[in-house]
Amino acid sequence: MGRTSIIMYAVLGAGASIVRLIGSLVVIYLTLGWKVRKAREALEKELMRAGMSKADARRIGAQYAALKDNTIKALKQSIGGFRF
């Protein structure tokens, strides 16, 4: 086994890890969006069931979506900080 094949295996291994990482990040992004939407709907229903107006419940529920957007924005900034 020469030095070239060791480097090739290292590069292929790193490439596979990066592909796996990107796949995991995509799944996390999609799952987070779906879970936040479901939680927001449930929160709004409970608030309306407790007697809050629909407009106020939606305004409070919108904070869930804003929190998710801020989280995704922070994640993108942290990933964007890595330059190769």
PDB file of N, CA and C in Angstrom:
ATOM      1  N   MET A   1       0.846  -1.170   0.000  1.00  0.00           N
ATOM      2  CA  MET A   1       0.000   0.000   0.000  1.00  0.00           C
ATOM      3  C   MET A   1       0.889   1.230   0.000  1.00  0.00           C
ATOM      4  N   GLY A   2       0.733   2.025  -1.019  1.00  0.00           N
ATOM      5  CA  GLY A   2       1.574   3.206  -1.111  1.00  0.00           C
ATOM      6  C   GLY A   2       0.952   4.411  -0.428  1.00  0.00           C
ATOM      7  N   ARG A   3       1.735   5.427  -0.400  1.00  0.00           N
ATOM      8  CA  ARG A   3       1.296   6.673   0.239  1.00  0.00           C
ATOM      9  C   ARG A   3       0.091   7.268  -0.494  1.00  0.00           C
ATOM     10  N   THR A   4       0.046   7.114  -1.818  1.00  0.00           N
ATOM     11  CA  THR A   4      -1.048   7.657  -2.617  1.00  0.00           C
ATOM     12  C   THR A   4      -2.371   7.003  -2.255  1.00  0.00           C
ATOM     13  N   SER A   5      -2.381   5.709  -2.061  1.00  0.00           N
ATOM     14  CA  SER A   5      -3.634   5.023  -1.735  1.00  0.00           C
ATOM     15  C   SER A   5      -4.107   5.383  -0.325  1.00  0.00           C
ATOM     16  N   ILE A   6      -3.212   5.629   0.589  1.00  0.00           N
ATOM     17  CA  ILE A   6      -3.605   6.048   1.939  1.00  0.00           C
ATOM     18  C   ILE A   6      -4.271   7.421   1.881  1.00  0.00           C
ATOM     19  N   ILE A   7      -3.696   8.320   1.103  1.00  0.00           N
ATOM     20  CA  ILE A   7      -4.279   9.653   0.951  1.00  0.00           C
ATOM     21  C   ILE A   7      -5.637   9.558   0.270  1.00  0.00           C
ATOM     22  N   MET A   8      -5.733   8.686  -0.733  1.00  0.00           N
ATOM     23  CA  MET A   8      -6.996   8.514  -1.450  1.00  0.00           C
ATOM     24  C   MET A   8      -8.086   7.997  -0.507  1.00  0.00           C
ATOM     25  N   TYR A   9      -7.766   7.038   0.336  1.00  0.00           N
ATOM     26  CA  TYR A   9      -8.735   6.517   1.300  1.00  0.00           C
ATOM     27  C   TYR A   9      -9.141   7.596   2.307  1.00  0.00           C
ATOM     28  N   ALA A  10      -8.201   8.409   2.709  1.00  0.00           N
ATOM     29  CA  ALA A  10      -8.512   9.493   3.652  1.00  0.00           C
ATOM     30  C   ALA A  10      -9.448  10.512   3.019  1.00  0.00           C
ATOM     31  N   VAL A  11      -9.183  10.859   1.772  1.00  0.00           N
ATOM     32  CA  VAL A  11     -10.036  11.821   1.070  1.00  0.00           C
ATOM     33  C   VAL A  11     -11.429  11.247   0.860  1.00  0.00           C
ATOM     34  N   LEU A  12     -11.513   9.991   0.455  1.00  0.00           N
ATOM     35  CA  LEU A  12     -12.819   9.353   0.261  1.00  0.00           C
ATOM     36  C   LEU A  12     -13.588   9.253   1.581  1.00  0.00           C
ATOM     37  N   GLY A  13     -12.891   8.934   2.638  1.00  0.00           N
ATOM     38  CA  GLY A  13     -13.538   8.860   3.957  1.00  0.00           C
ATOM     39  C   GLY A  13     -14.055  10.214   4.411  1.00  0.00           C
ATOM     40  N   ALA A  14     -13.258  11.251   4.187  1.00  0.00           N
ATOM     41  CA  ALA A  14     -13.686  12.605   4.552  1.00  0.00           C
ATOM     42  C   ALA A  14     -14.875  13.025   3.701  1.00  0.00           C
ATOM     43  N   GLY A  15     -14.848  12.697   2.423  1.00  0.00           N
ATOM     44  CA  GLY A  15     -15.968  13.026   1.537  1.00  0.00           C
ATOM     45  C   GLY A  15     -17.250  12.339   1.974  1.00  0.00           C
ATOM     46  N   ALA A  16     -17.145  11.079   2.348  1.00  0.00           N
ATOM     47  CA  ALA A  16     -18.325  10.348   2.823  1.00  0.00           C
ATOM     48  C   ALA A  16     -18.868  10.967   4.108  1.00  0.00           C
ATOM     49  N   SER A  17     -17.997  11.387   4.993  1.00  0.00           N
ATOM     50  CA  SER A  17     -18.432  12.020   6.236  1.00  0.00           C
ATOM     51  C   SER A  17     -19.126  13.349   5.979  1.00  0.00           C
ATOM     52  N   ILE A  18     -18.616  14.109   5.033  1.00  0.00           N
ATOM     53  CA  ILE A  18     -19.225  15.398   4.698  1.00  0.00           C
ATOM     54  C   ILE A  18     -20.608  15.188   4.081  1.00  0.00           C
ATOM     55  N   VAL A  19     -20.740  14.213   3.203  1.00  0.00           N
ATOM     56  CA  VAL A  19     -22.039  13.913   2.600  1.00  0.00           C
ATOM     57  C   VAL A  19     -23.036  13.490   3.673  1.00  0.00           C
ATOM     58  N   ARG A  20     -22.601  12.663   4.600  1.00  0.00           N
ATOM     59  CA  ARG A  20     -23.465  12.230   5.700  1.00  0.00           C
ATOM     60  C   ARG A  20     -23.885  13.408   6.571  1.00  0.00           C
ATOM     61  N   LEU A  21     -22.946  14.304   6.851  1.00  0.00           N
ATOM     62  CA  LEU A  21     -23.228  15.486   7.662  1.00  0.00           C
ATOM     63  C   LEU A  21     -24.240  16.393   6.972  1.00  0.00           C
ATOM     64  N   ILE A  22     -24.057  16.631   5.693  1.00  0.00           N
ATOM     65  CA  ILE A  22     -24.987  17.480   4.951  1.00  0.00           C
ATOM     66  C   ILE A  22     -26.370  16.840   4.905  1.00  0.00           C
ATOM     67  N   GLY A  23     -26.429  15.551   4.709  1.00  0.00           N
ATOM     68  CA  GLY A  23     -27.718  14.848   4.729  1.00  0.00           C
ATOM     69  C   GLY A  23     -28.413  14.977   6.069  1.00  0.00           C
ATOM     70  N   SER A  24     -27.656  14.849   7.139  1.00  0.00           N
ATOM     71  CA  SER A  24     -28.231  14.997   8.475  1.00  0.00           C
ATOM     72  C   SER A  24     -28.744  16.409   8.709  1.00  0.00           C
ATOM     73  N   LEU A  25     -28.008  17.407   8.255  1.00  0.00           N
ATOM     74  CA  LEU A  25     -28.443  18.793   8.419  1.00  0.00           C
ATOM     75  C   LEU A  25     -29.732  19.067   7.646  1.00  0.00           C
ATOM     76  N   VAL A  26     -29.867  18.496   6.458  1.00  0.00           N
ATOM     77  CA  VAL A  26     -31.094  18.668   5.680  1.00  0.00           C
ATOM     78  C   VAL A  26     -32.272  18.020   6.398  1.00  0.00           C
ATOM     79  N   VAL A  27     -32.070  16.826   6.919  1.00  0.00           N
ATOM     80  CA  VAL A  27     -33.146  16.149   7.652  1.00  0.00           C
ATOM     81  C   VAL A  27     -33.531  16.939   8.896  1.00  0.00           C
ATOM     82  N   ILE A  28     -32.555  17.458   9.604  1.00  0.00           N
ATOM     83  CA  ILE A  28     -32.832  18.271  10.796  1.00  0.00           C
ATOM     84  C   ILE A  28     -33.620  19.517  10.417  1.00  0.00           C
ATOM     85  N   TYR A  29     -33.237  20.166   9.328  1.00  0.00           N
ATOM     86  CA  TYR A  29     -33.928  21.380   8.881  1.00  0.00           C
ATOM     87  C   TYR A  29     -35.391  21.086   8.561  1.00  0.00           C
ATOM     88  N   LEU A  30     -35.623  20.012   7.805  1.00  0.00           N
ATOM     89  CA  LEU A  30     -36.993  19.667   7.435  1.00  0.00           C
ATOM     90  C   LEU A  30     -37.819  19.241   8.644  1.00  0.00           C
ATOM     91  N   THR A  31     -37.230  18.462   9.524  1.00  0.00           N
ATOM     92  CA  THR A  31     -37.934  18.000  10.721  1.00  0.00           C
ATOM     93  C   THR A  31     -38.245  19.166  11.645  1.00  0.00           C
ATOM     94  N   LEU A  32     -37.310  20.073  11.802  1.00  0.00           N
ATOM     95  CA  LEU A  32     -37.525  21.226  12.664  1.00  0.00           C
ATOM     96  C   LEU A  32     -38.694  22.064  12.164  1.00  0.00           C
ATOM     97  N   GLY A  33     -38.736  22.309  10.857  1.00  0.00           N
ATOM     98  CA  GLY A  33     -39.832  23.086  10.288  1.00  0.00           C
ATOM     99  C   GLY A  33     -41.173  22.429  10.533  1.00  0.00           C
ATOM    100  N   TRP A  34     -41.242  21.118  10.341  1.00  0.00           N
ATOM    101  CA  TRP A  34     -42.493  20.391  10.525  1.00  0.00           C
ATOM    102  C   TRP A  34     -42.912  20.396  11.990  1.00  0.00           C
ATOM    103  N   LYS A  35     -41.981  20.141  12.889  1.00  0.00           N
ATOM    104  CA  LYS A  35     -42.297  20.103  14.324  1.00  0.00           C
ATOM    105  C   LYS A  35     -42.725  21.471  14.844  1.00  0.00           C
ATOM    106  N   VAL A  36     -42.072  22.526  14.383  1.00  0.00           N
ATOM    107  CA  VAL A  36     -42.438  23.873  14.823  1.00  0.00           C
ATOM    108  C   VAL A  36     -43.845  24.212  14.343  1.00  0.00           C
ATOM    109  N   ARG A  37     -44.163  23.855  13.108  1.00  0.00           N
ATOM    110  CA  ARG A  37     -45.499  24.122  12.586  1.00  0.00           C
ATOM    111  C   ARG A  37     -46.567  23.400  13.406  1.00  0.00           C
ATOM    112  N   LYS A  38     -46.314  22.142  13.733  1.00  0.00           N
ATOM    113  CA  LYS A  38     -47.272  21.373  14.535  1.00  0.00           C
ATOM    114  C   LYS A  38     -47.401  21.947  15.948  1.00  0.00           C
ATOM    115  N   ALA A  39     -46.282  22.341  16.545  1.00  0.00           N
ATOM    116  CA  ALA A  39     -46.314  22.910  17.896  1.00  0.00           C
ATOM    117  C   ALA A  39     -47.042  24.246  17.896  1.00  0.00           C
ATOM    118  N   ARG A  40     -46.828  25.034  16.854  1.00  0.00           N
ATOM    119  CA  ARG A  40     -47.502  26.325  16.759  1.00  0.00           C
ATOM    120  C   ARG A  40     -49.013  26.137  16.655  1.00  0.00           C
ATOM    121  N   GLU A  41     -49.428  25.215  15.809  1.00  0.00           N
ATOM    122  CA  GLU A  41     -50.860  24.947  15.671  1.00  0.00           C
ATOM    123  C   GLU A  41     -51.461  24.476  16.982  1.00  0.00           C
ATOM    124  N   ALA A  42     -50.765  23.587  17.678  1.00  0.00           N
ATOM    125  CA  ALA A  42     -51.269  23.070  18.952  1.00  0.00           C
ATOM    126  C   ALA A  42     -51.352  24.187  19.996  1.00  0.00           C
ATOM    127  N   LEU A  43     -50.342  25.041  20.037  1.00  0.00           N
ATOM    128  CA  LEU A  43     -50.348  26.157  20.982  1.00  0.00           C
ATOM    129  C   LEU A  43     -51.517  27.097  20.697  1.00  0.00           C
ATOM    130  N   GLU A  44     -51.702  27.437  19.435  1.00  0.00           N
ATOM    131  CA  GLU A  44     -52.795  28.334  19.079  1.00  0.00           C
ATOM    132  C   GLU A  44     -54.159  27.734  19.441  1.00  0.00           C
ATOM    133  N   LYS A  45     -54.335  26.444  19.191  1.00  0.00           N
ATOM    134  CA  LYS A  45     -55.605  25.790  19.546  1.00  0.00           C
ATOM    135  C   LYS A  45     -55.840  25.829  21.047  1.00  0.00           C
ATOM    136  N   GLU A  46     -54.792  25.552  21.809  1.00  0.00           N
ATOM    137  CA  GLU A  46     -54.941  25.561  23.267  1.00  0.00           C
ATOM    138  C   GLU A  46     -55.242  26.963  23.793  1.00  0.00           C
ATOM    139  N   LEU A  47     -54.587  27.966  23.233  1.00  0.00           N
ATOM    140  CA  LEU A  47     -54.845  29.335  23.661  1.00  0.00           C
ATOM    141  C   LEU A  47     -56.276  29.752  23.341  1.00  0.00           C
ATOM    142  N   MET A  48     -56.759  29.380  22.163  1.00  0.00           N
ATOM    143  CA  MET A  48     -58.138  29.706  21.798  1.00  0.00           C
ATOM    144  C   MET A  48     -59.127  28.929  22.661  1.00  0.00           C
ATOM    145  N   ARG A  49     -58.790  27.689  22.981  1.00  0.00           N
ATOM    146  CA  ARG A  49     -59.643  26.875  23.847  1.00  0.00           C
ATOM    147  C   ARG A  49     -59.716  27.479  25.256  1.00  0.00           C
ATOM    148  N   ALA A  50     -58.638  28.153  25.662  1.00  0.00           N
ATOM    149  CA  ALA A  50     -58.595  28.773  26.988  1.00  0.00           C
ATOM    150  C   ALA A  50     -59.294  30.132  27.005  1.00  0.00           C
ATOM    151  N   GLY A  51     -59.741  30.614  25.832  1.00  0.00           N
ATOM    152  CA  GLY A  51     -60.509  31.844  25.798  1.00  0.00           C
ATOM    153  C   GLY A  51     -59.816  33.023  25.147  1.00  0.00           C
ATOM    154  N   MET A  52     -58.649  32.827  24.601  1.00  0.00           N
ATOM    155  CA  MET A  52     -57.936  33.932  23.949  1.00  0.00           C
ATOM    156  C   MET A  52     -58.489  34.121  22.542  1.00  0.00           C
ATOM    157  N   SER A  53     -58.463  35.347  22.057  1.00  0.00           N
ATOM    158  CA  SER A  53     -58.954  35.601  20.708  1.00  0.00           C
ATOM    159  C   SER A  53     -58.022  34.947  19.685  1.00  0.00           C
ATOM    160  N   LYS A  54     -58.588  34.662  18.514  1.00  0.00           N
ATOM    161  CA  LYS A  54     -57.832  33.975  17.471  1.00  0.00           C
ATOM    162  C   LYS A  54     -56.637  34.815  17.007  1.00  0.00           C
ATOM    163  N   ALA A  55     -56.847  36.124  16.885  1.00  0.00           N
ATOM    164  CA  ALA A  55     -55.763  37.007  16.425  1.00  0.00           C
ATOM    165  C   ALA A  55     -54.611  37.033  17.425  1.00  0.00           C
ATOM    166  N   ASP A  56     -54.940  37.099  18.710  1.00  0.00           N
ATOM    167  CA  ASP A  56     -53.883  37.113  19.725  1.00  0.00           C
ATOM    168  C   ASP A  56     -53.151  35.770  19.791  1.00  0.00           C
ATOM    169  N   ALA A  57     -53.903  34.692  19.651  1.00  0.00           N
ATOM    170  CA  ALA A  57     -53.285  33.360  19.659  1.00  0.00           C
ATOM    171  C   ALA A  57     -52.330  33.213  18.476  1.00  0.00           C
ATOM    172  N   ARG A  58     -52.732  33.714  17.317  1.00  0.00           N
ATOM    173  CA  ARG A  58     -51.856  33.631  16.138  1.00  0.00           C
ATOM    174  C   ARG A  58     -50.614  34.501  16.307  1.00  0.00           C
ATOM    175  N   ARG A  59     -50.777  35.648  16.935  1.00  0.00           N
ATOM    176  CA  ARG A  59     -49.635  36.538  17.170  1.00  0.00           C
ATOM    177  C   ARG A  59     -48.620  35.863  18.095  1.00  0.00           C
ATOM    178  N   ILE A  60     -49.109  35.221  19.149  1.00  0.00           N
ATOM    179  CA  ILE A  60     -48.204  34.514  20.065  1.00  0.00           C
ATOM    180  C   ILE A  60     -47.604  33.290  19.374  1.00  0.00           C
ATOM    181  N   GLY A  61     -48.406  32.586  18.601  1.00  0.00           N
ATOM    182  CA  GLY A  61     -47.910  31.425  17.869  1.00  0.00           C
ATOM    183  C   GLY A  61     -46.847  31.787  16.848  1.00  0.00           C
ATOM    184  N   ALA A  62     -46.935  32.997  16.317  1.00  0.00           N
ATOM    185  CA  ALA A  62     -45.945  33.443  15.327  1.00  0.00           C
ATOM    186  C   ALA A  62     -44.551  33.528  15.938  1.00  0.00           C
ATOM    187  N   GLN A  63     -44.481  33.661  17.251  1.00  0.00           N
ATOM    188  CA  GLN A  63     -43.170  33.714  17.914  1.00  0.00           C
ATOM    189  C   GLN A  63     -42.430  32.384  17.778  1.00  0.00           C
ATOM    190  N   TYR A  64     -43.177  31.269  17.676  1.00  0.00           N
ATOM    191  CA  TYR A  64     -42.536  29.975  17.446  1.00  0.00           C
ATOM    192  C   TYR A  64     -41.804  29.983  16.115  1.00  0.00           C
ATOM    193  N   ALA A  65     -42.490  30.468  15.082  1.00  0.00           N
ATOM    194  CA  ALA A  65     -41.877  30.508  13.755  1.00  0.00           C
ATOM    195  C   ALA A  65     -40.683  31.462  13.750  1.00  0.00           C
ATOM    196  N   ALA A  66     -40.801  32.585  14.432  1.00  0.00           N
ATOM    197  CA  ALA A  66     -39.696  33.539  14.495  1.00  0.00           C
ATOM    198  C   ALA A  66     -38.492  32.921  15.212  1.00  0.00           C
ATOM    199  N   LEU A  67     -38.737  32.168  16.260  1.00  0.00           N
ATOM    200  CA  LEU A  67     -37.657  31.503  16.985  1.00  0.00           C
ATOM    201  C   LEU A  67     -36.957  30.490  16.094  1.00  0.00           C
ATOM    202  N   LYS A  68     -37.736  29.723  15.334  1.00  0.00           N
ATOM    203  CA  LYS A  68     -37.149  28.758  14.400  1.00  0.00           C
ATOM    204  C   LYS A  68     -36.307  29.475  13.352  1.00  0.00           C
ATOM    205  N   ASP A  69     -36.832  30.578  12.807  1.00  0.00           N
ATOM    206  CA  ASP A  69     -36.095  31.328  11.793  1.00  0.00           C
ATOM    207  C   ASP A  69     -34.782  31.869  12.351  1.00  0.00           C
ATOM    208  N   ASN A  70     -34.820  32.356  13.582  1.00  0.00           N
ATOM    209  CA  ASN A  70     -33.592  32.866  14.209  1.00  0.00           C
ATOM    210  C   ASN A  70     -32.590  31.744  14.458  1.00  0.00           C
ATOM    211  N   THR A  71     -33.079  30.581  14.834  1.00  0.00           N
ATOM    212  CA  THR A  71     -32.204  29.426  15.064  1.00  0.00           C
ATOM    213  C   THR A  71     -31.527  28.999  13.765  1.00  0.00           C
ATOM    214  N   ILE A  72     -32.300  28.913  12.688  1.00  0.00           N
ATOM    215  CA  ILE A  72     -31.750  28.528  11.392  1.00  0.00           C
ATOM    216  C   ILE A  72     -30.752  29.577  10.906  1.00  0.00           C
ATOM    217  N   LYS A  73     -31.075  30.841  11.119  1.00  0.00           N
ATOM    218  CA  LYS A  73     -30.177  31.926  10.713  1.00  0.00           C
ATOM    219  C   LYS A  73     -28.840  31.824  11.456  1.00  0.00           C
ATOM    220  N   ALA A  74     -28.888  31.554  12.765  1.00  0.00           N
ATOM    221  CA  ALA A  74     -27.669  31.420  13.553  1.00  0.00           C
ATOM    222  C   ALA A  74     -26.855  30.207  13.094  1.00  0.00           C
ATOM    223  N   LEU A  75     -27.541  29.117  12.768  1.00  0.00           N
ATOM    224  CA  LEU A  75     -26.848  27.924  12.282  1.00  0.00           C
ATOM    225  C   LEU A  75     -26.163  28.201  10.950  1.00  0.00           C
ATOM    226  N   LYS A  76     -26.864  28.889  10.053  1.00  0.00           N
ATOM    227  CA  LYS A  76     -26.269  29.219   8.762  1.00  0.00           C
ATOM    228  C   LYS A  76     -25.051  30.125   8.931  1.00  0.00           C
ATOM    229  N   GLN A  77     -25.136  31.074   9.861  1.00  0.00           N
ATOM    230  CA  GLN A  77     -23.997  31.968  10.093  1.00  0.00           C
ATOM    231  C   GLN A  77     -22.806  31.206  10.652  1.00  0.00           C
ATOM    232  N   SER A  78     -23.078  30.246  11.531  1.00  0.00           N
ATOM    233  CA  SER A  78     -21.964  29.490  12.109  1.00  0.00           C
ATOM    234  C   SER A  78     -21.331  28.577  11.067  1.00  0.00           C
ATOM    235  N   ILE A  79     -22.140  28.009  10.194  1.00  0.00           N
ATOM    236  CA  ILE A  79     -21.589  27.160   9.131  1.00  0.00           C
ATOM    237  C   ILE A  79     -20.876  28.021   8.107  1.00  0.00           C
ATOM    238  N   GLY A  80     -21.426  29.189   7.799  1.00  0.00           N
ATOM    239  CA  GLY A  80     -20.822  30.086   6.818  1.00  0.00           C
ATOM    240  C   GLY A  80     -19.496  30.651   7.283  1.00  0.00           C
ATOM    241  N   GLY A  81     -19.220  30.566   8.580  1.00  0.00           N
ATOM    242  CA  GLY A  81     -17.965  31.073   9.114  1.00  0.00           C
ATOM    243  C   GLY A  81     -16.775  30.234   8.744  1.00  0.00           C
ATOM    244  N   PHE A  82     -17.026  28.985   8.328  1.00  0.00           N
ATOM    245  CA  PHE A  82     -15.933  28.094   7.933  1.00  0.00           C
ATOM    246  C   PHE A  82     -15.603  28.326   6.476  1.00  0.00           C
ATOM    247  N   ARG A  83     -14.414  28.783   6.212  1.00  0.00           N
ATOM    248  CA  ARG A  83     -13.962  28.993   4.827  1.00  0.00           C
ATOM    249  C   ARG A  83     -12.758  28.082   4.595  1.00  0.00           C
ATOM    250  N   PHE A  84     -12.772  27.426   3.471  1.00  0.00           N
ATOM    251  CA  PHE A  84     -11.688  26.508   3.156  1.00  0.00           C
ATOM    252  C   PHE A  84     -10.773  27.091   2.135  1.00  0.00           C
TER     253      PHE A  84
END
